[in-house]
Amino acid sequence: MKQTKPTALDKAIEIAGSQEALGDMIGYSQDAVSIWKTKKGGKVPAEAAPKIDAALNGAVTKNDLRPDIYGGAA
């Protein structure tokens, strides 16, 4: 089975404890987080990236989540 590299969203979910916990922290449903993970390939909406960054105290930054918008390294 082919292994895929974990995304920044995967790391955020792991730190939060679950998709539901991450969603609760940032005001989104578990379903929304699941869609970002599975159907969007880990790409979170631009407005969710700073919320995740703040909720996880920078453990996963908005730059990690959306380098296309916020740039590369923090």
PDB file of N, CA and C in Angstrom:
ATOM      1  N   MET A   1       0.839  -1.178   0.000  1.00  0.00           N
ATOM      2  CA  MET A   1       0.000   0.000   0.000  1.00  0.00           C
ATOM      3  C   MET A   1       0.890   1.250   0.000  1.00  0.00           C
ATOM      4  N   LYS A   2       0.553   2.208  -0.839  1.00  0.00           N
ATOM      5  CA  LYS A   2       1.344   3.430  -0.950  1.00  0.00           C
ATOM      6  C   LYS A   2       1.081   4.338   0.253  1.00  0.00           C
ATOM      7  N   GLN A   3       2.158   4.791   0.877  1.00  0.00           N
ATOM      8  CA  GLN A   3       2.047   5.709   2.003  1.00  0.00           C
ATOM      9  C   GLN A   3       2.115   7.133   1.471  1.00  0.00           C
ATOM     10  N   THR A   4       1.252   7.979   2.000  1.00  0.00           N
ATOM     11  CA  THR A   4       1.292   9.382   1.609  1.00  0.00           C
ATOM     12  C   THR A   4       1.900  10.184   2.758  1.00  0.00           C
ATOM     13  N   LYS A   5       2.571  11.248   2.393  1.00  0.00           N
ATOM     14  CA  LYS A   5       3.195  12.117   3.389  1.00  0.00           C
ATOM     15  C   LYS A   5       2.088  12.849   4.159  1.00  0.00           C
ATOM     16  N   PRO A   6       2.180  12.868   5.493  1.00  0.00           N
ATOM     17  CA  PRO A   6       1.170  13.598   6.265  1.00  0.00           C
ATOM     18  C   PRO A   6       1.161  15.079   5.902  1.00  0.00           C
ATOM     19  N   THR A   7      -0.006  15.653   5.836  1.00  0.00           N
ATOM     20  CA  THR A   7      -0.153  17.075   5.533  1.00  0.00           C
ATOM     21  C   THR A   7      -0.119  17.881   6.830  1.00  0.00           C
ATOM     22  N   ALA A   8      -0.032  19.197   6.687  1.00  0.00           N
ATOM     23  CA  ALA A   8      -0.101  20.073   7.860  1.00  0.00           C
ATOM     24  C   ALA A   8      -1.443  19.878   8.565  1.00  0.00           C
ATOM     25  N   LEU A   9      -2.503  19.645   7.794  1.00  0.00           N
ATOM     26  CA  LEU A   9      -3.802  19.385   8.412  1.00  0.00           C
ATOM     27  C   LEU A   9      -3.776  18.101   9.222  1.00  0.00           C
ATOM     28  N   ASP A  10      -3.119  17.066   8.712  1.00  0.00           N
ATOM     29  CA  ASP A  10      -2.987  15.812   9.474  1.00  0.00           C
ATOM     30  C   ASP A  10      -2.306  16.082  10.821  1.00  0.00           C
ATOM     31  N   LYS A  11      -1.265  16.886  10.795  1.00  0.00           N
ATOM     32  CA  LYS A  11      -0.545  17.230  12.027  1.00  0.00           C
ATOM     33  C   LYS A  11      -1.468  17.990  12.979  1.00  0.00           C
ATOM     34  N   ALA A  12      -2.244  18.921  12.450  1.00  0.00           N
ATOM     35  CA  ALA A  12      -3.160  19.700  13.284  1.00  0.00           C
ATOM     36  C   ALA A  12      -4.215  18.796  13.931  1.00  0.00           C
ATOM     37  N   ILE A  13      -4.739  17.850  13.159  1.00  0.00           N
ATOM     38  CA  ILE A  13      -5.732  16.909  13.685  1.00  0.00           C
ATOM     39  C   ILE A  13      -5.105  16.067  14.791  1.00  0.00           C
ATOM     40  N   GLU A  14      -3.879  15.611  14.566  1.00  0.00           N
ATOM     41  CA  GLU A  14      -3.186  14.791  15.569  1.00  0.00           C
ATOM     42  C   GLU A  14      -2.986  15.584  16.861  1.00  0.00           C
ATOM     43  N   ILE A  15      -2.565  16.820  16.763  1.00  0.00           N
ATOM     44  CA  ILE A  15      -2.330  17.655  17.947  1.00  0.00           C
ATOM     45  C   ILE A  15      -3.641  17.929  18.678  1.00  0.00           C
ATOM     46  N   ALA A  16      -4.690  18.225  17.915  1.00  0.00           N
ATOM     47  CA  ALA A  16      -5.997  18.519  18.523  1.00  0.00           C
ATOM     48  C   ALA A  16      -6.607  17.271  19.164  1.00  0.00           C
ATOM     49  N   GLY A  17      -6.300  16.112  18.614  1.00  0.00           N
ATOM     50  CA  GLY A  17      -6.820  14.863  19.160  1.00  0.00           C
ATOM     51  C   GLY A  17      -7.797  14.149  18.256  1.00  0.00           C
ATOM     52  N   SER A  18      -8.483  14.905  17.408  1.00  0.00           N
ATOM     53  CA  SER A  18      -9.431  14.319  16.454  1.00  0.00           C
ATOM     54  C   SER A  18      -9.915  15.408  15.506  1.00  0.00           C
ATOM     55  N   GLN A  19     -10.561  14.972  14.439  1.00  0.00           N
ATOM     56  CA  GLN A  19     -11.161  15.945  13.511  1.00  0.00           C
ATOM     57  C   GLN A  19     -12.226  16.760  14.234  1.00  0.00           C
ATOM     58  N   GLU A  20     -13.014  16.095  15.068  1.00  0.00           N
ATOM     59  CA  GLU A  20     -14.079  16.788  15.803  1.00  0.00           C
ATOM     60  C   GLU A  20     -13.498  17.830  16.759  1.00  0.00           C
ATOM     61  N   ALA A  21     -12.437  17.460  17.476  1.00  0.00           N
ATOM     62  CA  ALA A  21     -11.818  18.395  18.420  1.00  0.00           C
ATOM     63  C   ALA A  21     -11.256  19.614  17.686  1.00  0.00           C
ATOM     64  N   LEU A  22     -10.595  19.382  16.559  1.00  0.00           N
ATOM     65  CA  LEU A  22     -10.064  20.508  15.789  1.00  0.00           C
ATOM     66  C   LEU A  22     -11.196  21.404  15.308  1.00  0.00           C
ATOM     67  N   GLY A  23     -12.232  20.801  14.769  1.00  0.00           N
ATOM     68  CA  GLY A  23     -13.381  21.586  14.323  1.00  0.00           C
ATOM     69  C   GLY A  23     -13.982  22.417  15.440  1.00  0.00           C
ATOM     70  N   ASP A  24     -14.133  21.806  16.607  1.00  0.00           N
ATOM     71  CA  ASP A  24     -14.687  22.531  17.760  1.00  0.00           C
ATOM     72  C   ASP A  24     -13.816  23.721  18.142  1.00  0.00           C
ATOM     73  N   MET A  25     -12.509  23.546  18.055  1.00  0.00           N
ATOM     74  CA  MET A  25     -11.573  24.613  18.432  1.00  0.00           C
ATOM     75  C   MET A  25     -11.690  25.833  17.523  1.00  0.00           C
ATOM     76  N   ILE A  26     -12.083  25.607  16.269  1.00  0.00           N
ATOM     77  CA  ILE A  26     -12.054  26.704  15.291  1.00  0.00           C
ATOM     78  C   ILE A  26     -13.431  27.071  14.739  1.00  0.00           C
ATOM     79  N   GLY A  27     -14.479  26.439  15.282  1.00  0.00           N
ATOM     80  CA  GLY A  27     -15.832  26.805  14.878  1.00  0.00           C
ATOM     81  C   GLY A  27     -16.323  26.159  13.591  1.00  0.00           C
ATOM     82  N   TYR A  28     -15.779  24.984  13.269  1.00  0.00           N
ATOM     83  CA  TYR A  28     -16.216  24.229  12.098  1.00  0.00           C
ATOM     84  C   TYR A  28     -16.662  22.844  12.538  1.00  0.00           C
ATOM     85  N   SER A  29     -17.460  22.198  11.715  1.00  0.00           N
ATOM     86  CA  SER A  29     -17.924  20.846  12.030  1.00  0.00           C
ATOM     87  C   SER A  29     -16.843  19.814  11.724  1.00  0.00           C
ATOM     88  N   GLN A  30     -16.998  18.643  12.315  1.00  0.00           N
ATOM     89  CA  GLN A  30     -16.111  17.521  12.003  1.00  0.00           C
ATOM     90  C   GLN A  30     -16.224  17.184  10.532  1.00  0.00           C
ATOM     91  N   ASP A  31     -17.435  17.277   9.984  1.00  0.00           N
ATOM     92  CA  ASP A  31     -17.638  17.001   8.560  1.00  0.00           C
ATOM     93  C   ASP A  31     -16.802  17.927   7.683  1.00  0.00           C
ATOM     94  N   ALA A  32     -16.732  19.201   8.042  1.00  0.00           N
ATOM     95  CA  ALA A  32     -15.939  20.153   7.262  1.00  0.00           C
ATOM     96  C   ALA A  32     -14.467  19.761   7.292  1.00  0.00           C
ATOM     97  N   VAL A  33     -13.967  19.427   8.476  1.00  0.00           N
ATOM     98  CA  VAL A  33     -12.554  19.035   8.607  1.00  0.00           C
ATOM     99  C   VAL A  33     -12.294  17.767   7.793  1.00  0.00           C
ATOM    100  N   SER A  34     -13.222  16.834   7.836  1.00  0.00           N
ATOM    101  CA  SER A  34     -13.089  15.592   7.077  1.00  0.00           C
ATOM    102  C   SER A  34     -13.029  15.867   5.577  1.00  0.00           C
ATOM    103  N   ILE A  35     -13.850  16.777   5.095  1.00  0.00           N
ATOM    104  CA  ILE A  35     -13.845  17.133   3.669  1.00  0.00           C
ATOM    105  C   ILE A  35     -12.512  17.758   3.289  1.00  0.00           C
ATOM    106  N   TRP A  36     -11.983  18.639   4.128  1.00  0.00           N
ATOM    107  CA  TRP A  36     -10.680  19.242   3.833  1.00  0.00           C
ATOM    108  C   TRP A  36      -9.624  18.155   3.716  1.00  0.00           C
ATOM    109  N   LYS A  37      -9.698  17.165   4.613  1.00  0.00           N
ATOM    110  CA  LYS A  37      -8.686  16.102   4.651  1.00  0.00           C
ATOM    111  C   LYS A  37      -8.813  15.160   3.460  1.00  0.00           C
ATOM    112  N   THR A  38     -10.020  14.724   3.161  1.00  0.00           N
ATOM    113  CA  THR A  38     -10.197  13.682   2.154  1.00  0.00           C
ATOM    114  C   THR A  38     -10.428  14.217   0.747  1.00  0.00           C
ATOM    115  N   LYS A  39     -11.298  15.169   0.594  1.00  0.00           N
ATOM    116  CA  LYS A  39     -11.659  15.633  -0.746  1.00  0.00           C
ATOM    117  C   LYS A  39     -10.809  16.806  -1.217  1.00  0.00           C
ATOM    118  N   LYS A  40     -10.222  17.533  -0.285  1.00  0.00           N
ATOM    119  CA  LYS A  40      -9.409  18.697  -0.649  1.00  0.00           C
ATOM    120  C   LYS A  40      -7.920  18.425  -0.490  1.00  0.00           C
ATOM    121  N   GLY A  41      -7.563  17.180  -0.161  1.00  0.00           N
ATOM    122  CA  GLY A  41      -6.152  16.821  -0.052  1.00  0.00           C
ATOM    123  C   GLY A  41      -5.398  17.544   1.052  1.00  0.00           C
ATOM    124  N   GLY A  42      -6.110  17.945   2.104  1.00  0.00           N
ATOM    125  CA  GLY A  42      -5.467  18.634   3.219  1.00  0.00           C
ATOM    126  C   GLY A  42      -5.474  20.140   3.104  1.00  0.00           C
ATOM    127  N   LYS A  43      -6.082  20.657   2.042  1.00  0.00           N
ATOM    128  CA  LYS A  43      -6.106  22.104   1.827  1.00  0.00           C
ATOM    129  C   LYS A  43      -7.289  22.709   2.581  1.00  0.00           C
ATOM    130  N   VAL A  44      -6.980  23.527   3.568  1.00  0.00           N
ATOM    131  CA  VAL A  44      -8.024  24.171   4.367  1.00  0.00           C
ATOM    132  C   VAL A  44      -8.406  25.505   3.723  1.00  0.00           C
ATOM    133  N   PRO A  45      -9.616  25.993   3.988  1.00  0.00           N
ATOM    134  CA  PRO A  45      -9.986  27.316   3.470  1.00  0.00           C
ATOM    135  C   PRO A  45      -9.050  28.392   4.035  1.00  0.00           C
ATOM    136  N   ALA A  46      -8.821  29.418   3.255  1.00  0.00           N
ATOM    137  CA  ALA A  46      -7.902  30.486   3.659  1.00  0.00           C
ATOM    138  C   ALA A  46      -8.271  31.069   5.013  1.00  0.00           C
ATOM    139  N   GLU A  47      -9.557  31.234   5.280  1.00  0.00           N
ATOM    140  CA  GLU A  47      -9.976  31.842   6.542  1.00  0.00           C
ATOM    141  C   GLU A  47      -9.831  30.893   7.734  1.00  0.00           C
ATOM    142  N   ALA A  48      -9.704  29.588   7.487  1.00  0.00           N
ATOM    143  CA  ALA A  48      -9.548  28.629   8.581  1.00  0.00           C
ATOM    144  C   ALA A  48      -8.093  28.510   9.029  1.00  0.00           C
ATOM    145  N   ALA A  49      -7.151  28.766   8.144  1.00  0.00           N
ATOM    146  CA  ALA A  49      -5.725  28.594   8.471  1.00  0.00           C
ATOM    147  C   ALA A  49      -5.291  29.432   9.679  1.00  0.00           C
ATOM    148  N   PRO A  50      -5.606  30.729   9.741  1.00  0.00           N
ATOM    149  CA  PRO A  50      -5.192  31.501  10.922  1.00  0.00           C
ATOM    150  C   PRO A  50      -5.889  31.035  12.201  1.00  0.00           C
ATOM    151  N   LYS A  51      -7.104  30.525  12.072  1.00  0.00           N
ATOM    152  CA  LYS A  51      -7.827  30.017  13.244  1.00  0.00           C
ATOM    153  C   LYS A  51      -7.139  28.776  13.805  1.00  0.00           C
ATOM    154  N   ILE A  52      -6.687  27.899  12.920  1.00  0.00           N
ATOM    155  CA  ILE A  52      -5.968  26.697  13.358  1.00  0.00           C
ATOM    156  C   ILE A  52      -4.646  27.104  13.993  1.00  0.00           C
ATOM    157  N   ASP A  53      -3.936  28.014  13.368  1.00  0.00           N
ATOM    158  CA  ASP A  53      -2.667  28.527  13.886  1.00  0.00           C
ATOM    159  C   ASP A  53      -2.866  29.033  15.318  1.00  0.00           C
ATOM    160  N   ALA A  54      -3.875  29.869  15.527  1.00  0.00           N
ATOM    161  CA  ALA A  54      -4.128  30.439  16.856  1.00  0.00           C
ATOM    162  C   ALA A  54      -4.569  29.371  17.861  1.00  0.00           C
ATOM    163  N   ALA A  55      -5.458  28.477  17.438  1.00  0.00           N
ATOM    164  CA  ALA A  55      -5.978  27.453  18.343  1.00  0.00           C
ATOM    165  C   ALA A  55      -4.894  26.497  18.824  1.00  0.00           C
ATOM    166  N   LEU A  56      -3.906  26.254  17.975  1.00  0.00           N
ATOM    167  CA  LEU A  56      -2.822  25.320  18.323  1.00  0.00           C
ATOM    168  C   LEU A  56      -1.551  26.055  18.748  1.00  0.00           C
ATOM    169  N   ASN A  57      -1.695  27.343  19.060  1.00  0.00           N
ATOM    170  CA  ASN A  57      -0.575  28.157  19.536  1.00  0.00           C
ATOM    171  C   ASN A  57       0.649  28.061  18.628  1.00  0.00           C
ATOM    172  N   GLY A  58       0.409  28.032  17.326  1.00  0.00           N
ATOM    173  CA  GLY A  58       1.496  28.037  16.358  1.00  0.00           C
ATOM    174  C   GLY A  58       2.167  26.689  16.125  1.00  0.00           C
ATOM    175  N   ALA A  59       1.640  25.612  16.729  1.00  0.00           N
ATOM    176  CA  ALA A  59       2.227  24.286  16.500  1.00  0.00           C
ATOM    177  C   ALA A  59       2.097  23.885  15.029  1.00  0.00           C
ATOM    178  N   VAL A  60       1.026  24.343  14.397  1.00  0.00           N
ATOM    179  CA  VAL A  60       0.841  24.231  12.950  1.00  0.00           C
ATOM    180  C   VAL A  60       0.447  25.641  12.512  1.00  0.00           C
ATOM    181  N   THR A  61       1.265  26.251  11.682  1.00  0.00           N
ATOM    182  CA  THR A  61       1.034  27.653  11.335  1.00  0.00           C
ATOM    183  C   THR A  61       0.163  27.803  10.087  1.00  0.00           C
ATOM    184  N   LYS A  62      -0.370  28.999   9.928  1.00  0.00           N
ATOM    185  CA  LYS A  62      -1.139  29.292   8.717  1.00  0.00           C
ATOM    186  C   LYS A  62      -0.248  29.139   7.494  1.00  0.00           C
ATOM    187  N   ASN A  63       1.061  29.408   7.655  1.00  0.00           N
ATOM    188  CA  ASN A  63       2.011  29.244   6.562  1.00  0.00           C
ATOM    189  C   ASN A  63       2.147  27.773   6.179  1.00  0.00           C
ATOM    190  N   ASP A  64       2.156  26.888   7.194  1.00  0.00           N
ATOM    191  CA  ASP A  64       2.217  25.444   6.934  1.00  0.00           C
ATOM    192  C   ASP A  64       0.969  24.987   6.188  1.00  0.00           C
ATOM    193  N   LEU A  65      -0.170  25.506   6.619  1.00  0.00           N
ATOM    194  CA  LEU A  65      -1.461  25.068   6.077  1.00  0.00           C
ATOM    195  C   LEU A  65      -1.729  25.626   4.681  1.00  0.00           C
ATOM    196  N   ARG A  66      -1.366  26.875   4.446  1.00  0.00           N
ATOM    197  CA  ARG A  66      -1.644  27.521   3.166  1.00  0.00           C
ATOM    198  C   ARG A  66      -0.464  28.354   2.687  1.00  0.00           C
ATOM    199  N   PRO A  67       0.646  27.696   2.327  1.00  0.00           N
ATOM    200  CA  PRO A  67       1.815  28.442   1.852  1.00  0.00           C
ATOM    201  C   PRO A  67       1.535  29.239   0.566  1.00  0.00           C
ATOM    202  N   ASP A  68       0.513  28.813  -0.174  1.00  0.00           N
ATOM    203  CA  ASP A  68       0.147  29.531  -1.399  1.00  0.00           C
ATOM    204  C   ASP A  68      -0.402  30.918  -1.111  1.00  0.00           C
ATOM    205  N   ILE A  69      -0.915  31.112   0.101  1.00  0.00           N
ATOM    206  CA  ILE A  69      -1.492  32.408   0.471  1.00  0.00           C
ATOM    207  C   ILE A  69      -0.583  33.157   1.441  1.00  0.00           C
ATOM    208  N   TYR A  70      -0.115  32.441   2.461  1.00  0.00           N
ATOM    209  CA  TYR A  70       0.610  33.073   3.554  1.00  0.00           C
ATOM    210  C   TYR A  70       2.123  32.974   3.441  1.00  0.00           C
ATOM    211  N   GLY A  71       2.606  32.346   2.395  1.00  0.00           N
ATOM    212  CA  GLY A  71       4.042  32.208   2.200  1.00  0.00           C
ATOM    213  C   GLY A  71       4.573  30.920   2.827  1.00  0.00           C
ATOM    214  N   GLY A  72       5.841  30.680   2.618  1.00  0.00           N
ATOM    215  CA  GLY A  72       6.470  29.451   3.110  1.00  0.00           C
ATOM    216  C   GLY A  72       6.696  29.458   4.599  1.00  0.00           C
ATOM    217  N   ALA A  73       7.934  29.501   5.015  1.00  0.00           N
ATOM    218  CA  ALA A  73       8.283  29.438   6.436  1.00  0.00           C
ATOM    219  C   ALA A  73       7.746  30.647   7.174  1.00  0.00           C
ATOM    220  N   ALA A  74       7.341  30.392   8.414  1.00  0.00           N
ATOM    221  CA  ALA A  74       6.766  31.459   9.254  1.00  0.00           C
ATOM    222  C   ALA A  74       7.801  32.500   9.599  1.00  0.00           C
TER     223      ALA A  74
END
